Amino acid sequence: MKSFALGRRFFSLAFALALTACATSPVETLAPQGQLKMGLYKGTPTSILPADTSGVPRGIGYELGSTLANRLGVKYEPIVFEKNADVLAAVKKGEVDLVFTNASADRAQYIQFSKVVIRIEKGYLISPRSKINAPGELNQKQVKIGFSVGSNSQRELPELVPHATLVQTNSTKQAIEMLKTGELDGFSSNKAILFEMAASLPGSRVLPAVIGYEGLALGTPLNRQNSAVELNAFVDEVNSDGKLKAIIRRSGIQGLAN
C-alpha cells in the first residue's frame, strides 16, 4: 500500500514536470523569433498614421504593438502595408506575429483574437461633388460606392445597397482621389477611416447614419497556442493602467461607439 502511494506521488510529480516542460512563455507564444512583427496598414488611426511633430507615428495598432513588445522585452518591428487586405494575407501566412483588426467571424478562421478592444461605427463618406445627403439616396444604379478590397464592406454592401454600383479600391489614397474627381459618389468603411479621409478631402462629409459596427481586437496567427490568453491579459492590463485611454487619445480617432 505504501509503495502504491509512493508510485502515485511519483506519477503526479512527473506529470506536473511534464506540463511545466510543455508550457510556453509569453515571448515564445507571441514573438517566437525574439521580435514582435506587427502588421499595420496606412491611412487610419486604428492602425498607423504618419509621425506628427513629436517624430513618432501614431495609431492604436502601432502603439499597442509597441507597448506589448516593451512588456515582453523584445524588439518591435512594425511592418507597414498599403491596405488591410495585405495585412490579413501576411497573418494568414504567419509572416507577422500580431495584427489589430476587425474581429469578424470570417477572419477568426485564420486569426486567434483577443477580446474586443474598441468598437467603431460604420458608415459612408460622400464625395464633395455629390449632392447625396442620406443613406437611402445611395441605393441607386447610377450611384457609385467604393470599398476596400478584402474589407467586410465588400461582403456587406451588396445587401445594404443592392441597386448601387460597387467599386473596389486598393488603398485609401486611391479612394480619396476617386472621390475627389467624382469617380466615386461615396465610400463605405468604419468611421475612423472615413473621418481621416475626410480631413484630406475638403467638401466631403461623413453621413451621421450608422450602418453597423466593427469590433477591433488584437490577433495572432491561428496556430499560436494560448495566444488569446496572453493577449487578453495584456488588454486587461492596458485598460486598468490607463495606457489604452492615452493611446486612443493620441490617435485622434473619431467614430468610436459608446
Foldseek 3Di string as FASTA:
>chain_A
DVVVVVVVVVVVVVVVVVVVVPDDDLCCLQPVVQEAEEEFEEQFQQGWYADDPVRDIAHLSVVLQVVVCVVVVGHYHYDYDQDVVVSLVCQQVQVGRKYKFFPDPVSVVWKDWAFFLFKFFKFKKFFLPDPDQDLVVQQACVAEEEEEPPDVCVVPVCVSRVHYHYDYDHHLVVVLVCSHVVVHGMYIDTVRNNVSSPVVHPNMDTHPDTPDMTGITMIHTPPSPCNNVVRNVSSVVCVVVVVSVVSVVVSVGPGTDD
